[in-house]
Amino acid sequence: MKLLLDTHTLLWFIAGNTNLSAFARSLIEDVSNEKFVSIACEGMPVLFRMRDNTPVAFIEQDFTNSGKVNPIKEVIIGPKNHVLPTAISVFLETIGIGSVKVTKSKASYR
């Protein structure tokens, strides 16, 4: 199996962080699986903030695209997230990203 690891997953795996599920850890540890690390952060500084005494990696992204073609077409809100779709729309419009379809997922996490 091929695995694409994002920054959080890689850092949690290296640090032995319990935010990484036992299943995910077993997939990464399985030597028969091929692992890749996202190159989205290559050459970009990875920053950290603290969340519940755990460093969480993030990369600052400019999604305004300098007024060119809108890079975000759709936002799907997780089924257990209680944010209002209109709040997301207003936020996106405030930062110059309009005409984004915002919907709430009906899929379960299982």
Protein backbone atom coordinates (compact mmCIF):
# COMPACT_ATOMS: atom_id res chain seq x y z
CA MET A 1 0.00 0.00 0.00
CA LYS A 2 1.19 3.55 -0.71
CA LEU A 3 0.85 6.06 2.14
CA LEU A 4 0.99 9.84 1.79
CA LEU A 5 1.93 11.35 5.15
CA ASP A 6 1.17 14.96 5.94
CA THR A 7 3.27 17.02 8.34
CA HIS A 8 1.08 16.31 11.38
CA THR A 9 1.11 12.58 10.80
CA LEU A 10 4.85 12.45 10.33
CA LEU A 11 5.56 14.55 13.43
CA TRP A 12 3.09 12.61 15.56
CA PHE A 13 4.64 9.33 14.39
CA ILE A 14 8.18 10.49 15.15
CA ALA A 15 7.19 11.89 18.56
CA GLY A 16 5.07 8.89 19.53
CA ASN A 17 2.12 11.26 19.98
CA THR A 18 -1.18 9.62 20.96
CA ASN A 19 -3.05 11.82 18.47
CA LEU A 20 -1.94 9.27 15.88
CA SER A 21 -4.25 6.26 16.04
CA ALA A 22 -2.87 2.78 16.62
CA PHE A 23 -4.16 1.81 13.17
CA ALA A 24 -2.33 4.69 11.45
CA ARG A 25 0.84 3.90 13.41
CA SER A 26 0.64 0.24 12.35
CA LEU A 27 0.27 1.24 8.69
CA ILE A 28 3.36 3.47 8.91
CA GLU A 29 5.37 0.82 10.75
CA ASP A 30 4.46 -1.88 8.22
CA VAL A 31 7.62 -2.26 6.11
CA SER A 32 5.60 -3.54 3.15
CA ASN A 33 3.90 -0.13 2.81
CA GLU A 34 5.56 2.54 0.69
CA LYS A 35 5.66 5.93 2.47
CA PHE A 36 5.68 9.39 0.90
CA VAL A 37 5.77 12.77 2.60
CA SER A 38 3.70 15.58 1.15
CA ILE A 39 5.87 17.98 -0.84
CA ALA A 40 3.35 20.76 -0.31
CA CYS A 41 5.62 22.06 2.42
CA GLU A 42 8.91 21.67 0.56
CA GLY A 43 10.78 24.96 0.75
CA MET A 44 8.09 26.48 2.93
CA PRO A 45 8.70 27.12 6.62
CA VAL A 46 6.77 24.80 8.89
CA LEU A 47 5.51 26.73 11.91
CA PHE A 48 4.21 25.36 15.20
CA ARG A 49 1.58 26.33 17.71
CA MET A 50 0.73 24.63 20.98
CA ARG A 51 -2.56 22.76 21.37
CA ASP A 52 -3.22 20.86 24.59
CA ASN A 53 0.53 20.85 25.39
CA THR A 54 1.30 19.33 21.99
CA PRO A 55 3.12 21.14 19.19
CA VAL A 56 0.94 21.26 16.07
CA ALA A 57 2.63 22.00 12.76
CA PHE A 58 1.12 24.36 10.25
CA ILE A 59 2.11 26.16 7.07
CA GLU A 60 0.90 29.66 6.34
CA GLN A 61 -0.89 29.70 3.00
CA ASP A 62 -2.11 32.66 0.98
CA PHE A 63 -5.33 31.48 -0.61
CA THR A 64 -6.20 34.88 -2.07
CA ASN A 65 -4.07 33.96 -5.09
CA SER A 66 -3.28 37.66 -5.60
CA GLY A 67 -6.74 38.30 -7.08
CA LYS A 68 -6.32 35.68 -9.80
CA VAL A 69 -8.44 32.56 -10.25
CA ASN A 70 -10.03 31.47 -6.98
CA PRO A 71 -8.08 28.42 -5.74
CA ILE A 72 -10.91 27.23 -3.44
CA LYS A 73 -14.04 25.94 -5.15
CA GLU A 74 -15.76 24.08 -2.32
CA VAL A 75 -15.59 23.67 1.46
CA ILE A 76 -17.20 20.62 3.06
CA ILE A 77 -17.79 20.90 6.80
CA GLY A 78 -17.48 17.69 8.82
CA PRO A 79 -20.73 16.19 10.12
CA LYS A 80 -19.86 16.77 13.79
CA ASN A 81 -18.57 20.31 13.30
CA HIS A 82 -21.10 22.85 14.59
CA VAL A 83 -19.88 25.84 12.58
CA LEU A 84 -22.51 27.50 10.41
CA PRO A 85 -21.89 27.29 6.66
CA THR A 86 -22.79 30.98 6.40
CA ALA A 87 -20.00 31.80 8.89
CA ILE A 88 -17.47 30.07 6.62
CA SER A 89 -18.86 31.89 3.57
CA VAL A 90 -18.66 35.27 5.30
CA PHE A 91 -15.12 34.58 6.46
CA LEU A 92 -14.00 33.60 2.95
CA GLU A 93 -15.62 36.66 1.42
CA THR A 94 -13.98 38.87 4.08
CA ILE A 95 -10.51 37.67 3.05
CA GLY A 96 -11.29 38.11 -0.64
CA ILE A 97 -12.31 34.58 -1.57
CA GLY A 98 -15.90 34.65 -2.77
CA SER A 99 -18.17 32.29 -4.71
CA VAL A 100 -17.16 29.21 -2.72
CA LYS A 101 -19.74 26.45 -2.29
CA VAL A 102 -19.98 25.63 1.44
CA THR A 103 -21.88 22.50 2.46
CA LYS A 104 -22.17 20.32 5.53
CA SER A 105 -21.28 16.66 5.09
CA LYS A 106 -23.93 14.10 5.86
CA ALA A 107 -21.42 11.24 5.92
CA SER A 108 -20.54 9.64 9.22
CA TYR A 109 -16.97 9.26 10.43
CA ARG A 110 -17.27 5.49 10.47
